[in-house]
Amino acid sequence: MNVDDIWFQQDGATCHTSKETVALLKEMFNGRVISRGGGFLKSKVYANNPKTIDELKSNITAAINEIEFQFRTFSLISAH
């Protein structure tokens, strides 16, 4: 199974956050698991109450870029 071609998304059920389940999902998806932390992205995207699809898309892009920047910064600091 090539996990680069797979996206797993909850169906609205409570997040599976037991240590064992999260560990299994992280192993299966190479650490690319958003659990309860997904609320962080939602709070960023809707912070200014976007009124149009373009505003929503812009907010999504900005929020993901911010996370990626923070991740790159953290990765660089952790590597040293």
PDB file of N, CA and C in Angstrom:
ATOM      1  N   MET A   1       0.848  -1.173   0.000  1.00  0.00           N
ATOM      2  CA  MET A   1       0.000   0.000   0.000  1.00  0.00           C
ATOM      3  C   MET A   1       0.896   1.239   0.000  1.00  0.00           C
ATOM      4  N   ASN A   2       0.639   2.148  -0.915  1.00  0.00           N
ATOM      5  CA  ASN A   2       1.397   3.394  -0.995  1.00  0.00           C
ATOM      6  C   ASN A   2       0.611   4.472  -0.254  1.00  0.00           C
ATOM      7  N   VAL A   3       1.075   4.839   0.944  1.00  0.00           N
ATOM      8  CA  VAL A   3       0.323   5.799   1.757  1.00  0.00           C
ATOM      9  C   VAL A   3       0.352   7.209   1.175  1.00  0.00           C
ATOM     10  N   ASP A   4       1.213   7.472   0.215  1.00  0.00           N
ATOM     11  CA  ASP A   4       1.203   8.788  -0.427  1.00  0.00           C
ATOM     12  C   ASP A   4      -0.058   9.000  -1.250  1.00  0.00           C
ATOM     13  N   ASP A   5      -0.742   7.913  -1.584  1.00  0.00           N
ATOM     14  CA  ASP A   5      -1.951   8.002  -2.393  1.00  0.00           C
ATOM     15  C   ASP A   5      -3.225   7.857  -1.578  1.00  0.00           C
ATOM     16  N   ILE A   6      -3.099   7.855  -0.245  1.00  0.00           N
ATOM     17  CA  ILE A   6      -4.254   7.604   0.610  1.00  0.00           C
ATOM     18  C   ILE A   6      -4.525   8.795   1.512  1.00  0.00           C
ATOM     19  N   TRP A   7      -5.797   9.128   1.622  1.00  0.00           N
ATOM     20  CA  TRP A   7      -6.254  10.138   2.586  1.00  0.00           C
ATOM     21  C   TRP A   7      -7.310   9.461   3.437  1.00  0.00           C
ATOM     22  N   PHE A   8      -7.187   9.592   4.736  1.00  0.00           N
ATOM     23  CA  PHE A   8      -8.163   9.035   5.642  1.00  0.00           C
ATOM     24  C   PHE A   8      -8.831  10.193   6.356  1.00  0.00           C
ATOM     25  N   GLN A   9     -10.152  10.181   6.405  1.00  0.00           N
ATOM     26  CA  GLN A   9     -10.873  11.264   7.058  1.00  0.00           C
ATOM     27  C   GLN A   9     -11.985  10.679   7.906  1.00  0.00           C
ATOM     28  N   GLN A  10     -12.134  11.209   9.100  1.00  0.00           N
ATOM     29  CA  GLN A  10     -13.212  10.778   9.975  1.00  0.00           C
ATOM     30  C   GLN A  10     -14.549  11.141   9.361  1.00  0.00           C
ATOM     31  N   ASP A  11     -15.569  10.455   9.771  1.00  0.00           N
ATOM     32  CA  ASP A  11     -16.911  10.694   9.245  1.00  0.00           C
ATOM     33  C   ASP A  11     -17.773  11.514  10.191  1.00  0.00           C
ATOM     34  N   GLY A  12     -17.157  12.294  11.052  1.00  0.00           N
ATOM     35  CA  GLY A  12     -17.904  13.097  12.012  1.00  0.00           C
ATOM     36  C   GLY A  12     -17.982  12.438  13.376  1.00  0.00           C
ATOM     37  N   ALA A  13     -17.508  11.203  13.473  1.00  0.00           N
ATOM     38  CA  ALA A  13     -17.501  10.516  14.764  1.00  0.00           C
ATOM     39  C   ALA A  13     -16.418  11.126  15.653  1.00  0.00           C
ATOM     40  N   THR A  14     -16.511  10.852  16.935  1.00  0.00           N
ATOM     41  CA  THR A  14     -15.482  11.326  17.859  1.00  0.00           C
ATOM     42  C   THR A  14     -14.120  10.834  17.393  1.00  0.00           C
ATOM     43  N   CYS A  15     -13.133  11.684  17.516  1.00  0.00           N
ATOM     44  CA  CYS A  15     -11.773  11.327  17.091  1.00  0.00           C
ATOM     45  C   CYS A  15     -11.271  10.092  17.825  1.00  0.00           C
ATOM     46  N   HIS A  16     -10.539   9.274  17.114  1.00  0.00           N
ATOM     47  CA  HIS A  16      -9.900   8.112  17.719  1.00  0.00           C
ATOM     48  C   HIS A  16      -8.560   8.583  18.279  1.00  0.00           C
ATOM     49  N   THR A  17      -8.519   8.806  19.576  1.00  0.00           N
ATOM     50  CA  THR A  17      -7.332   9.433  20.149  1.00  0.00           C
ATOM     51  C   THR A  17      -6.640   8.585  21.209  1.00  0.00           C
ATOM     52  N   SER A  18      -6.993   7.307  21.321  1.00  0.00           N
ATOM     53  CA  SER A  18      -6.248   6.486  22.269  1.00  0.00           C
ATOM     54  C   SER A  18      -4.800   6.423  21.791  1.00  0.00           C
ATOM     55  N   LYS A  19      -3.895   6.279  22.716  1.00  0.00           N
ATOM     56  CA  LYS A  19      -2.470   6.245  22.354  1.00  0.00           C
ATOM     57  C   LYS A  19      -2.188   5.166  21.324  1.00  0.00           C
ATOM     58  N   GLU A  20      -2.802   4.013  21.511  1.00  0.00           N
ATOM     59  CA  GLU A  20      -2.564   2.890  20.600  1.00  0.00           C
ATOM     60  C   GLU A  20      -3.074   3.199  19.192  1.00  0.00           C
ATOM     61  N   THR A  21      -4.267   3.778  19.114  1.00  0.00           N
ATOM     62  CA  THR A  21      -4.850   4.086  17.805  1.00  0.00           C
ATOM     63  C   THR A  21      -4.052   5.158  17.090  1.00  0.00           C
ATOM     64  N   VAL A  22      -3.696   6.215  17.791  1.00  0.00           N
ATOM     65  CA  VAL A  22      -2.916   7.296  17.179  1.00  0.00           C
ATOM     66  C   VAL A  22      -1.554   6.759  16.725  1.00  0.00           C
ATOM     67  N   ALA A  23      -0.922   5.930  17.544  1.00  0.00           N
ATOM     68  CA  ALA A  23       0.371   5.347  17.163  1.00  0.00           C
ATOM     69  C   ALA A  23       0.238   4.516  15.889  1.00  0.00           C
ATOM     70  N   LEU A  24      -0.825   3.710  15.804  1.00  0.00           N
ATOM     71  CA  LEU A  24      -1.052   2.891  14.607  1.00  0.00           C
ATOM     72  C   LEU A  24      -1.272   3.771  13.378  1.00  0.00           C
ATOM     73  N   LEU A  25      -2.126   4.793  13.511  1.00  0.00           N
ATOM     74  CA  LEU A  25      -2.384   5.681  12.372  1.00  0.00           C
ATOM     75  C   LEU A  25      -1.117   6.413  11.945  1.00  0.00           C
ATOM     76  N   LYS A  26      -0.328   6.884  12.902  1.00  0.00           N
ATOM     77  CA  LYS A  26       0.926   7.566  12.553  1.00  0.00           C
ATOM     78  C   LYS A  26       1.878   6.632  11.838  1.00  0.00           C
ATOM     79  N   GLU A  27       1.909   5.380  12.274  1.00  0.00           N
ATOM     80  CA  GLU A  27       2.766   4.398  11.598  1.00  0.00           C
ATOM     81  C   GLU A  27       2.279   4.151  10.173  1.00  0.00           C
ATOM     82  N   MET A  28       0.977   3.974  10.013  1.00  0.00           N
ATOM     83  CA  MET A  28       0.411   3.683   8.696  1.00  0.00           C
ATOM     84  C   MET A  28       0.554   4.848   7.725  1.00  0.00           C
ATOM     85  N   PHE A  29       0.468   6.077   8.243  1.00  0.00           N
ATOM     86  CA  PHE A  29       0.463   7.257   7.370  1.00  0.00           C
ATOM     87  C   PHE A  29       1.703   8.128   7.559  1.00  0.00           C
ATOM     88  N   ASN A  30       2.807   7.502   7.953  1.00  0.00           N
ATOM     89  CA  ASN A  30       4.094   8.196   8.081  1.00  0.00           C
ATOM     90  C   ASN A  30       4.006   9.476   8.894  1.00  0.00           C
ATOM     91  N   GLY A  31       3.272   9.437   9.990  1.00  0.00           N
ATOM     92  CA  GLY A  31       3.182  10.581  10.880  1.00  0.00           C
ATOM     93  C   GLY A  31       2.237  11.670  10.428  1.00  0.00           C
ATOM     94  N   ARG A  32       1.601  11.491   9.285  1.00  0.00           N
ATOM     95  CA  ARG A  32       0.720  12.540   8.742  1.00  0.00           C
ATOM     96  C   ARG A  32      -0.708  12.323   9.228  1.00  0.00           C
ATOM     97  N   VAL A  33      -0.905  12.555  10.525  1.00  0.00           N
ATOM     98  CA  VAL A  33      -2.208  12.356  11.145  1.00  0.00           C
ATOM     99  C   VAL A  33      -2.622  13.645  11.834  1.00  0.00           C
ATOM    100  N   ILE A  34      -3.815  14.101  11.519  1.00  0.00           N
ATOM    101  CA  ILE A  34      -4.390  15.233  12.233  1.00  0.00           C
ATOM    102  C   ILE A  34      -5.508  14.665  13.087  1.00  0.00           C
ATOM    103  N   SER A  35      -5.361  14.782  14.374  1.00  0.00           N
ATOM    104  CA  SER A  35      -6.384  14.253  15.259  1.00  0.00           C
ATOM    105  C   SER A  35      -7.166  15.428  15.810  1.00  0.00           C
ATOM    106  N   ARG A  36      -7.160  15.612  17.083  1.00  0.00           N
ATOM    107  CA  ARG A  36      -7.883  16.753  17.647  1.00  0.00           C
ATOM    108  C   ARG A  36      -7.257  18.070  17.250  1.00  0.00           C
ATOM    109  N   GLY A  37      -6.017  18.041  16.806  1.00  0.00           N
ATOM    110  CA  GLY A  37      -5.350  19.255  16.351  1.00  0.00           C
ATOM    111  C   GLY A  37      -5.994  19.878  15.125  1.00  0.00           C
ATOM    112  N   GLY A  38      -6.896  19.144  14.455  1.00  0.00           N
ATOM    113  CA  GLY A  38      -7.594  19.678  13.300  1.00  0.00           C
ATOM    114  C   GLY A  38      -8.430  20.892  13.634  1.00  0.00           C
ATOM    115  N   GLY A  39      -8.853  21.018  14.877  1.00  0.00           N
ATOM    116  CA  GLY A  39      -9.604  22.193  15.315  1.00  0.00           C
ATOM    117  C   GLY A  39      -8.785  23.459  15.213  1.00  0.00           C
ATOM    118  N   PHE A  40      -7.481  23.315  15.341  1.00  0.00           N
ATOM    119  CA  PHE A  40      -6.590  24.470  15.218  1.00  0.00           C
ATOM    120  C   PHE A  40      -6.701  25.069  13.831  1.00  0.00           C
ATOM    121  N   LEU A  41      -6.663  24.218  12.826  1.00  0.00           N
ATOM    122  CA  LEU A  41      -6.761  24.695  11.448  1.00  0.00           C
ATOM    123  C   LEU A  41      -8.121  25.357  11.211  1.00  0.00           C
ATOM    124  N   LYS A  42      -9.170  24.726  11.694  1.00  0.00           N
ATOM    125  CA  LYS A  42     -10.512  25.283  11.520  1.00  0.00           C
ATOM    126  C   LYS A  42     -10.619  26.651  12.176  1.00  0.00           C
ATOM    127  N   SER A  43     -10.049  26.800  13.368  1.00  0.00           N
ATOM    128  CA  SER A  43     -10.120  28.094  14.057  1.00  0.00           C
ATOM    129  C   SER A  43      -9.374  29.176  13.277  1.00  0.00           C
ATOM    130  N   LYS A  44      -8.280  28.817  12.626  1.00  0.00           N
ATOM    131  CA  LYS A  44      -7.536  29.780  11.806  1.00  0.00           C
ATOM    132  C   LYS A  44      -8.316  30.156  10.549  1.00  0.00           C
ATOM    133  N   VAL A  45      -8.900  29.150   9.902  1.00  0.00           N
ATOM    134  CA  VAL A  45      -9.601  29.359   8.637  1.00  0.00           C
ATOM    135  C   VAL A  45     -10.835  30.243   8.820  1.00  0.00           C
ATOM    136  N   TYR A  46     -11.536  30.061   9.923  1.00  0.00           N
ATOM    137  CA  TYR A  46     -12.788  30.799  10.133  1.00  0.00           C
ATOM    138  C   TYR A  46     -12.640  31.994  11.070  1.00  0.00           C
ATOM    139  N   ALA A  47     -11.412  32.356  11.427  1.00  0.00           N
ATOM    140  CA  ALA A  47     -11.179  33.439  12.388  1.00  0.00           C
ATOM    141  C   ALA A  47     -11.805  34.764  11.952  1.00  0.00           C
ATOM    142  N   ASN A  48     -11.764  35.078  10.665  1.00  0.00           N
ATOM    143  CA  ASN A  48     -12.308  36.359  10.190  1.00  0.00           C
ATOM    144  C   ASN A  48     -13.660  36.180   9.485  1.00  0.00           C
ATOM    145  N   ASN A  49     -14.312  35.029   9.713  1.00  0.00           N
ATOM    146  CA  ASN A  49     -15.640  34.752   9.174  1.00  0.00           C
ATOM    147  C   ASN A  49     -15.722  35.023   7.665  1.00  0.00           C
ATOM    148  N   PRO A  50     -15.022  34.200   6.870  1.00  0.00           N
ATOM    149  CA  PRO A  50     -15.010  34.428   5.416  1.00  0.00           C
ATOM    150  C   PRO A  50     -16.419  34.403   4.829  1.00  0.00           C
ATOM    151  N   LYS A  51     -16.671  35.313   3.920  1.00  0.00           N
ATOM    152  CA  LYS A  51     -18.009  35.470   3.342  1.00  0.00           C
ATOM    153  C   LYS A  51     -18.143  34.838   1.956  1.00  0.00           C
ATOM    154  N   THR A  52     -17.022  34.598   1.290  1.00  0.00           N
ATOM    155  CA  THR A  52     -17.063  34.038  -0.061  1.00  0.00           C
ATOM    156  C   THR A  52     -16.153  32.808  -0.131  1.00  0.00           C
ATOM    157  N   ILE A  53     -16.345  32.039  -1.182  1.00  0.00           N
ATOM    158  CA  ILE A  53     -15.486  30.871  -1.408  1.00  0.00           C
ATOM    159  C   ILE A  53     -14.043  31.312  -1.603  1.00  0.00           C
ATOM    160  N   ASP A  54     -13.826  32.417  -2.305  1.00  0.00           N
ATOM    161  CA  ASP A  54     -12.461  32.917  -2.518  1.00  0.00           C
ATOM    162  C   ASP A  54     -11.800  33.296  -1.193  1.00  0.00           C
ATOM    163  N   GLU A  55     -12.551  33.933  -0.306  1.00  0.00           N
ATOM    164  CA  GLU A  55     -12.001  34.281   1.008  1.00  0.00           C
ATOM    165  C   GLU A  55     -11.676  33.017   1.799  1.00  0.00           C
ATOM    166  N   LEU A  56     -12.568  32.026   1.725  1.00  0.00           N
ATOM    167  CA  LEU A  56     -12.336  30.761   2.416  1.00  0.00           C
ATOM    168  C   LEU A  56     -11.091  30.071   1.875  1.00  0.00           C
ATOM    169  N   LYS A  57     -10.970  29.997   0.547  1.00  0.00           N
ATOM    170  CA  LYS A  57      -9.785  29.389  -0.070  1.00  0.00           C
ATOM    171  C   LYS A  57      -8.519  30.121   0.344  1.00  0.00           C
ATOM    172  N   SER A  58      -8.577  31.430   0.371  1.00  0.00           N
ATOM    173  CA  SER A  58      -7.418  32.233   0.776  1.00  0.00           C
ATOM    174  C   SER A  58      -7.030  31.938   2.222  1.00  0.00           C
ATOM    175  N   ASN A  59      -8.032  31.848   3.089  1.00  0.00           N
ATOM    176  CA  ASN A  59      -7.761  31.543   4.496  1.00  0.00           C
ATOM    177  C   ASN A  59      -7.163  30.152   4.663  1.00  0.00           C
ATOM    178  N   ILE A  60      -7.685  29.184   3.912  1.00  0.00           N
ATOM    179  CA  ILE A  60      -7.150  27.821   3.986  1.00  0.00           C
ATOM    180  C   ILE A  60      -5.687  27.805   3.556  1.00  0.00           C
ATOM    181  N   THR A  61      -5.406  28.453   2.437  1.00  0.00           N
ATOM    182  CA  THR A  61      -4.031  28.505   1.933  1.00  0.00           C
ATOM    183  C   THR A  61      -3.101  29.171   2.948  1.00  0.00           C
ATOM    184  N   ALA A  62      -3.538  30.303   3.499  1.00  0.00           N
ATOM    185  CA  ALA A  62      -2.704  31.028   4.467  1.00  0.00           C
ATOM    186  C   ALA A  62      -2.465  30.181   5.722  1.00  0.00           C
ATOM    187  N   ALA A  63      -3.498  29.516   6.210  1.00  0.00           N
ATOM    188  CA  ALA A  63      -3.354  28.707   7.425  1.00  0.00           C
ATOM    189  C   ALA A  63      -2.412  27.537   7.203  1.00  0.00           C
ATOM    190  N   ILE A  64      -2.533  26.868   6.052  1.00  0.00           N
ATOM    191  CA  ILE A  64      -1.642  25.741   5.757  1.00  0.00           C
ATOM    192  C   ILE A  64      -0.208  26.219   5.576  1.00  0.00           C
ATOM    193  N   ASN A  65      -0.037  27.337   4.898  1.00  0.00           N
ATOM    194  CA  ASN A  65       1.315  27.886   4.733  1.00  0.00           C
ATOM    195  C   ASN A  65       1.933  28.242   6.077  1.00  0.00           C
ATOM    196  N   GLU A  66       1.129  28.769   6.992  1.00  0.00           N
ATOM    197  CA  GLU A  66       1.628  29.104   8.324  1.00  0.00           C
ATOM    198  C   GLU A  66       2.067  27.844   9.072  1.00  0.00           C
ATOM    199  N   ILE A  67       1.259  26.801   8.981  1.00  0.00           N
ATOM    200  CA  ILE A  67       1.618  25.541   9.632  1.00  0.00           C
ATOM    201  C   ILE A  67       2.885  24.969   9.019  1.00  0.00           C
ATOM    202  N   GLU A  68       2.973  24.972   7.692  1.00  0.00           N
ATOM    203  CA  GLU A  68       4.164  24.450   7.025  1.00  0.00           C
ATOM    204  C   GLU A  68       5.399  25.248   7.418  1.00  0.00           C
ATOM    205  N   PHE A  69       5.267  26.575   7.516  1.00  0.00           N
ATOM    206  CA  PHE A  69       6.398  27.414   7.919  1.00  0.00           C
ATOM    207  C   PHE A  69       6.818  27.069   9.340  1.00  0.00           C
ATOM    208  N   GLN A  70       5.832  26.947  10.245  1.00  0.00           N
ATOM    209  CA  GLN A  70       6.145  26.607  11.632  1.00  0.00           C
ATOM    210  C   GLN A  70       6.794  25.231  11.719  1.00  0.00           C
ATOM    211  N   PHE A  71       6.309  24.283  10.919  1.00  0.00           N
ATOM    212  CA  PHE A  71       6.869  22.938  10.918  1.00  0.00           C
ATOM    213  C   PHE A  71       8.311  22.963  10.422  1.00  0.00           C
ATOM    214  N   ARG A  72       8.557  23.706   9.326  1.00  0.00           N
ATOM    215  CA  ARG A  72       9.928  23.812   8.802  1.00  0.00           C
ATOM    216  C   ARG A  72      10.837  24.457   9.828  1.00  0.00           C
ATOM    217  N   THR A  73      10.362  25.502  10.490  1.00  0.00           N
ATOM    218  CA  THR A  73      11.165  26.186  11.500  1.00  0.00           C
ATOM    219  C   THR A  73      11.471  25.241  12.647  1.00  0.00           C
ATOM    220  N   PHE A  74      10.451  24.517  13.129  1.00  0.00           N
ATOM    221  CA  PHE A  74      10.642  23.559  14.215  1.00  0.00           C
ATOM    222  C   PHE A  74      11.607  22.464  13.804  1.00  0.00           C
ATOM    223  N   SER A  75      11.481  21.985  12.562  1.00  0.00           N
ATOM    224  CA  SER A  75      12.358  20.919  12.070  1.00  0.00           C
ATOM    225  C   SER A  75      13.810  21.384  12.033  1.00  0.00           C
ATOM    226  N   LEU A  76      14.022  22.609  11.590  1.00  0.00           N
ATOM    227  CA  LEU A  76      15.378  23.151  11.526  1.00  0.00           C
ATOM    228  C   LEU A  76      15.962  23.308  12.926  1.00  0.00           C
ATOM    229  N   ILE A  77      15.154  23.802  13.857  1.00  0.00           N
ATOM    230  CA  ILE A  77      15.634  23.978  15.238  1.00  0.00           C
ATOM    231  C   ILE A  77      15.917  22.628  15.859  1.00  0.00           C
ATOM    232  N   SER A  78      15.058  21.653  15.618  1.00  0.00           N
ATOM    233  CA  SER A  78      15.229  20.319  16.202  1.00  0.00           C
ATOM    234  C   SER A  78      16.448  19.614  15.638  1.00  0.00           C
ATOM    235  N   ALA A  79      16.810  19.932  14.414  1.00  0.00           N
ATOM    236  CA  ALA A  79      17.944  19.265  13.764  1.00  0.00           C
ATOM    237  C   ALA A  79      19.288  19.727  14.332  1.00  0.00           C
ATOM    238  N   HIS A  80      19.284  20.847  15.002  1.00  0.00           N
ATOM    239  CA  HIS A  80      20.555  21.383  15.514  1.00  0.00           C
ATOM    240  C   HIS A  80      20.776  21.047  16.939  1.00  0.00           C
TER     241      HIS A  80
END
